[in-house]
Protein backbone atom coordinates (compact mmCIF):
# COMPACT_ATOMS: atom_id res chain seq x y z
CA MET A 1 74.05 73.94 107.67
CA VAL A 2 70.85 72.26 108.82
CA ARG A 3 68.59 74.53 110.83
CA VAL A 4 66.14 73.06 113.36
CA ASP A 5 63.62 75.26 115.18
CA VAL A 6 62.69 73.74 118.54
CA LEU A 7 59.84 74.40 120.96
CA VAL A 8 60.07 73.06 124.52
CA THR A 9 56.94 73.12 126.64
CA GLU A 10 56.15 72.07 130.18
CA GLY A 11 52.39 71.81 130.48
CA ARG A 12 50.95 74.91 128.78
CA ARG A 13 54.11 76.93 129.40
CA ALA A 14 56.90 77.41 126.84
CA LEU A 15 60.27 76.91 128.52
CA ALA A 16 62.65 79.85 128.23
CA GLY A 17 66.25 80.12 129.36
CA LEU A 18 67.61 76.86 127.92
CA SER A 19 71.15 76.78 126.47
CA LYS A 20 72.92 74.96 123.66
CA GLU A 21 74.17 72.37 126.15
CA ASP A 22 70.59 71.47 127.05
CA PHE A 23 69.92 69.89 123.62
CA VAL A 24 71.07 66.81 121.72
CA VAL A 25 70.41 66.64 117.95
CA TYR A 26 70.41 63.30 116.11
CA ASP A 27 70.80 62.91 112.34
CA GLU A 28 69.78 59.38 111.31
CA GLY A 29 70.39 58.37 114.93
CA ALA A 30 73.90 59.84 115.17
CA PRO A 31 74.45 62.77 117.60
CA GLN A 32 75.54 66.03 115.99
CA THR A 33 77.54 69.03 117.20
CA VAL A 34 75.40 72.17 117.48
CA ILE A 35 77.48 74.91 115.88
CA HIS A 36 75.12 77.85 116.25
CA PHE A 37 72.38 78.38 118.81
CA GLY A 38 69.76 81.11 118.68
CA ARG A 39 66.96 82.09 121.02
CA GLU A 40 63.86 84.25 120.86
CA ALA A 41 65.93 87.39 120.20
CA GLU A 42 66.27 86.27 116.57
CA PRO A 43 64.06 88.15 114.08
CA LEU A 44 60.90 86.31 113.06
CA TRP A 45 59.31 86.15 109.62
CA LEU A 46 55.71 85.18 110.35
CA VAL A 47 52.95 84.44 107.84
CA LEU A 48 49.41 84.41 109.23
CA LEU A 49 47.42 82.13 106.94
CA VAL A 50 43.69 82.67 107.39
CA ASP A 51 40.95 80.26 106.30
CA VAL A 52 38.06 82.47 105.15
CA SER A 53 35.43 79.75 104.78
CA GLY A 54 32.07 80.57 106.38
CA SER A 55 32.61 78.31 109.40
CA MET A 56 35.59 80.45 110.46
CA THR A 57 33.73 83.78 110.64
CA ALA A 58 33.11 83.80 114.43
CA ILE A 59 36.73 82.88 115.21
CA LEU A 60 38.08 85.56 112.84
CA ARG A 61 35.88 88.20 114.45
CA GLU A 62 37.19 87.27 117.91
CA ILE A 63 40.82 87.25 116.80
CA SER A 64 40.57 90.45 114.76
CA ALA A 65 39.21 92.27 117.84
CA VAL A 66 42.44 91.61 119.77
CA ALA A 67 44.89 91.43 116.88
CA VAL A 68 46.91 94.57 117.66
CA THR A 69 47.46 93.74 121.34
CA ALA A 70 48.22 90.09 120.54
CA LEU A 71 50.74 91.05 117.86
CA ASP A 72 52.50 93.26 120.40
CA LEU A 73 53.92 90.01 121.81
CA LEU A 74 56.26 90.03 118.81
CA GLY A 75 59.58 91.85 118.83
CA PRO A 76 60.43 95.14 117.07
CA GLN A 77 62.47 93.34 114.39
CA ASP A 78 59.75 90.81 113.56
CA GLN A 79 57.94 90.92 110.24
CA VAL A 80 54.33 89.80 109.75
CA ALA A 81 52.48 88.96 106.53
CA VAL A 82 48.82 87.97 106.13
CA MET A 83 47.35 85.59 103.55
CA ALA A 84 43.71 84.56 103.07
CA PHE A 85 42.69 81.29 101.48
CA GLY A 86 39.62 79.41 100.31
CA GLY A 87 39.77 77.45 97.08
CA GLU A 88 42.85 79.57 96.33
CA SER A 89 45.15 81.79 98.38
CA ARG A 90 45.90 85.49 98.17
CA LEU A 91 48.44 87.77 99.85
CA VAL A 92 46.48 90.40 101.81
CA GLN A 93 49.46 92.13 103.44
CA GLY A 94 53.13 91.63 102.61
CA PHE A 95 55.76 91.43 105.32
CA THR A 96 55.62 94.49 107.54
CA PRO A 97 56.88 95.42 111.01
CA SER A 98 53.64 97.36 111.56
CA ARG A 99 51.29 95.59 113.97
CA THR A 100 48.52 97.99 112.92
CA LEU A 101 48.79 97.08 109.23
CA ALA A 102 48.86 93.37 110.07
CA ALA A 103 45.78 93.72 112.31
CA GLU A 104 43.92 95.63 109.60
CA ALA A 105 44.77 92.84 107.14
CA ILE A 106 43.28 90.24 109.51
CA ARG A 107 40.09 92.31 109.68
CA ARG A 108 39.97 92.50 105.87
CA CYS A 109 39.94 88.70 105.80
CA LEU A 110 36.40 88.85 107.21
CA LYS A 111 35.34 90.19 103.80
CA PRO A 112 37.74 88.41 101.43
CA GLY A 113 35.86 88.58 98.12
CA GLY A 114 37.13 87.14 94.88
CA LEU A 115 38.48 83.85 96.26
CA ALA A 116 37.26 80.59 94.79
CA ALA A 117 35.01 78.49 97.01
CA GLY A 118 36.42 75.58 98.98
CA SER A 119 39.46 75.16 101.23
CA SER A 120 42.69 74.27 99.42
CA THR A 121 44.70 74.14 102.63
CA HIS A 122 47.81 72.35 101.39
CA ALA A 123 48.23 74.64 98.38
CA ALA A 124 47.85 77.65 100.69
CA VAL A 125 50.54 76.31 103.03
CA ILE A 126 52.86 75.79 100.05
CA HIS A 127 52.19 79.39 98.96
CA ALA A 128 52.86 80.75 102.47
CA ALA A 129 56.03 78.72 103.00
CA THR A 130 57.41 79.62 99.57
CA TYR A 131 56.65 83.31 100.11
CA ALA A 132 58.41 83.30 103.51
CA GLY A 133 61.41 81.48 102.09
CA GLU A 134 61.77 83.88 99.17
CA LYS A 135 61.31 87.11 101.13
CA ALA A 136 63.59 86.03 104.01
CA SER A 137 66.24 84.45 101.77
CA GLY A 138 69.73 85.42 102.88
CA LYS A 139 68.38 87.32 105.90
CA PRO A 140 68.77 86.30 109.54
CA GLY A 141 65.86 84.98 111.51
CA ARG A 142 63.28 82.23 111.77
CA ARG A 143 60.36 81.53 109.45
CA ALA A 144 56.95 80.45 110.71
CA VAL A 145 53.43 79.97 109.38
CA VAL A 146 50.45 80.21 111.74
CA ILE A 147 47.30 78.89 110.09
CA LEU A 148 43.75 79.55 111.37
CA THR A 149 41.48 76.84 109.96
CA ASP A 150 38.76 74.24 110.48
CA ASN A 151 40.92 71.66 108.61
CA GLU A 152 38.11 70.84 106.20
CA GLY A 153 38.01 70.54 102.42
CA LEU A 154 39.83 68.54 99.78
CA ASN A 155 43.10 69.50 98.10
CA TYR A 156 43.48 69.05 94.36
CA ARG A 157 46.98 67.91 93.40
CA ALA A 158 48.53 69.34 96.56
CA SER A 159 49.32 66.60 99.03
CA ALA A 160 50.36 66.87 102.65
CA GLY A 161 53.77 65.54 101.61
CA GLU A 162 54.25 68.40 99.15
CA ALA A 163 53.27 70.93 101.82
CA ILE A 164 55.72 69.38 104.30
CA GLU A 165 58.44 69.50 101.66
CA ALA A 166 57.75 73.21 100.97
CA LEU A 167 57.95 73.98 104.68
CA GLY A 168 61.26 72.10 104.89
CA ILE A 169 62.79 73.86 101.88
CA SER A 170 61.84 77.23 103.40
CA ASP A 171 62.99 76.23 106.91
CA ALA A 172 59.51 77.20 108.10
CA VAL A 173 57.53 75.73 110.99
CA LEU A 174 53.76 75.44 110.72
CA ASN A 175 51.56 76.00 113.77
CA ALA A 176 47.78 75.71 113.66
CA ILE A 177 44.83 77.16 115.53
CA VAL A 178 41.93 74.88 114.69
CA THR A 179 38.21 74.93 115.48
CA GLY A 180 37.05 72.69 118.29
CA ARG A 181 35.46 70.11 115.99
CA ALA A 182 38.45 69.80 113.62
CA GLN A 183 39.99 66.34 113.45
CA PRO A 184 42.78 64.65 111.46
CA PRO A 185 41.31 62.92 108.39
CA PRO A 186 40.41 59.23 108.82
CA PRO A 187 42.42 56.68 106.82
CA PRO A 188 40.93 55.92 103.40
CA LYS A 189 38.73 52.82 103.34
CA SER A 190 40.62 51.48 100.36
CA ALA A 191 43.37 52.58 98.03
CA VAL A 192 41.12 51.83 95.08
CA ALA A 193 38.42 54.21 96.29
CA LEU A 194 40.84 57.10 96.81
CA ASN A 195 41.41 59.45 93.89
CA PRO A 196 45.13 60.35 94.21
CA ASP A 197 44.45 63.83 92.80
CA PHE A 198 42.38 64.72 95.87
CA THR A 199 43.64 64.55 99.45
CA PRO A 200 41.96 65.67 102.68
CA SER A 201 43.45 68.55 104.65
CA ASP A 202 45.70 67.56 107.55
CA VAL A 203 47.25 70.52 109.38
CA PHE A 204 47.83 68.24 112.36
CA LEU A 205 50.32 66.22 110.30
CA LEU A 206 51.90 69.36 108.80
CA ALA A 207 52.42 70.85 112.25
CA ARG A 208 53.88 67.65 113.70
CA GLU A 209 56.29 66.97 110.83
CA SER A 210 57.55 70.58 110.65
CA GLY A 211 58.05 70.78 114.42
CA GLY A 212 54.99 72.87 115.24
CA GLU A 213 51.77 72.20 117.12
CA ALA A 214 48.00 72.55 116.84
CA LEU A 215 45.93 74.37 119.46
CA ARG A 216 42.16 74.16 119.60
CA ALA A 217 40.35 77.50 119.43
CA ASP A 218 37.92 76.97 122.31
CA LYS A 219 38.87 80.54 123.29
CA ALA A 220 40.13 81.92 119.99
CA ALA A 221 41.61 85.22 121.18
CA GLU A 222 43.42 83.54 124.07
CA ARG A 223 44.77 80.80 121.80
CA PHE A 224 45.97 83.39 119.28
CA ARG A 225 48.03 85.18 121.94
CA GLU A 226 49.31 81.86 123.28
CA MET A 227 50.37 80.66 119.83
CA LEU A 228 52.23 83.88 119.02
CA GLU A 229 54.07 83.68 122.32
CA ARG A 230 55.07 80.06 121.70
CA VAL A 231 56.23 80.83 118.15
CA ARG A 232 58.36 83.65 119.52
CA MET A 233 59.99 81.45 122.18
CA ARG A 234 61.43 78.76 119.92
CA TYR A 235 65.13 77.90 119.85
CA ALA A 236 67.19 77.63 116.65
CA LEU A 237 69.84 74.90 116.42
CA HIS A 238 72.29 74.68 113.50
CA TYR A 239 74.63 71.83 112.67
CA SER A 240 76.77 70.71 109.75
CA PRO A 241 75.14 67.60 108.21
CA PRO A 242 77.02 64.36 107.58
CA ARG A 243 77.75 63.51 103.95
CA ALA A 244 74.76 61.85 102.34
CA GLU A 245 73.27 60.86 99.00
CA PRO A 246 72.30 64.08 97.13
CA GLY A 247 68.55 64.59 97.24
CA SER A 248 68.04 62.00 99.98
CA THR A 249 65.70 62.57 102.92
CA ARG A 250 67.29 62.27 106.35
CA ARG A 251 65.47 61.80 109.64
CA ILE A 252 66.36 64.03 112.55
CA SER A 253 65.28 64.24 116.19
CA VAL A 254 65.95 66.59 119.07
CA GLU A 255 66.01 65.63 122.74
CA LEU A 256 66.85 67.33 125.98
CA ALA A 257 70.31 66.45 127.32
CA PRO A 258 70.22 64.26 130.46
CA ALA A 259 70.85 67.15 132.87
CA ALA A 260 68.09 69.25 131.27
CA ARG A 261 65.71 66.27 131.26
CA GLN A 262 66.37 65.80 134.96
CA ARG A 263 65.43 69.45 135.59
CA HIS A 264 62.36 69.23 133.37
CA PRO A 265 61.11 65.61 133.45
CA ARG A 266 57.71 66.45 131.96
CA ALA A 267 58.94 68.69 129.16
CA GLU A 268 57.89 68.04 125.54
CA VAL A 269 60.23 68.82 122.65
CA ARG A 270 58.86 69.67 119.18
CA ALA A 271 61.13 69.88 116.14
CA ARG A 272 60.99 69.00 112.46
CA SER A 273 61.39 65.30 111.73
CA ALA A 274 63.39 65.36 108.51
CA TYR A 275 65.24 67.41 105.90
CA ARG A 276 66.29 66.84 102.31
CA PHE A 277 70.02 66.74 101.61
CA PRO A 278 70.81 69.21 98.79
CA ALA A 279 70.99 67.80 95.29
CA GLU A 280 74.25 68.25 93.42
């Protein structure tokens, strides 16, 4: 089964109350039959991935002050883990249903200690996605990574493509809360000048390709609550994939069915853009 987590928004509001009949899923352009449909009642396995570089200190202080009340937006079956990252990543708090423990872990990120300097964002995303996939393996629910970052730094031998692949293997969606000045990296001036071992961070691309979104932290605490609410209100669509070449990458897209589009003409649909067909 291919699983696709879908967020539908209308303006700043996440749309609730949609049904299986409101969606059309395409696999390489061919419509698919949705076999299973889940809503926000599904358990959530959420990894909070926290950039602890110096430029993030003010945002972390603001978010840590409201962490418990913001985390209360999650359901009683949801599990939260916290990771900190700089030049390397470290698990601060394993999956727990305790909002208090998760909030305390966010506060501990203000004094990380022991992490190498820099911001290896892609490697941290790979770590978070792999951890979520392993811990939630065989268990019901959705997997998500919410990263708090300024999107700066270079990644050594950890490309955006590898991070997207790790998110896909784990069926995890990445959502980002970024500082106001953060921007996608500019294209390299020349292929010759670019060292392939080093790639700039691009959480905007990771969010888009995995079906998530990036919100700017002009009001960090408000954005944190908003992001958690939107993560919680995603839909899960499952379908049986057509036969394909083992190991091949297949493009997918999700649209609102005509009747739903008529009801919500300005709605935006976010879903992962591809999956890898299992190797034999």
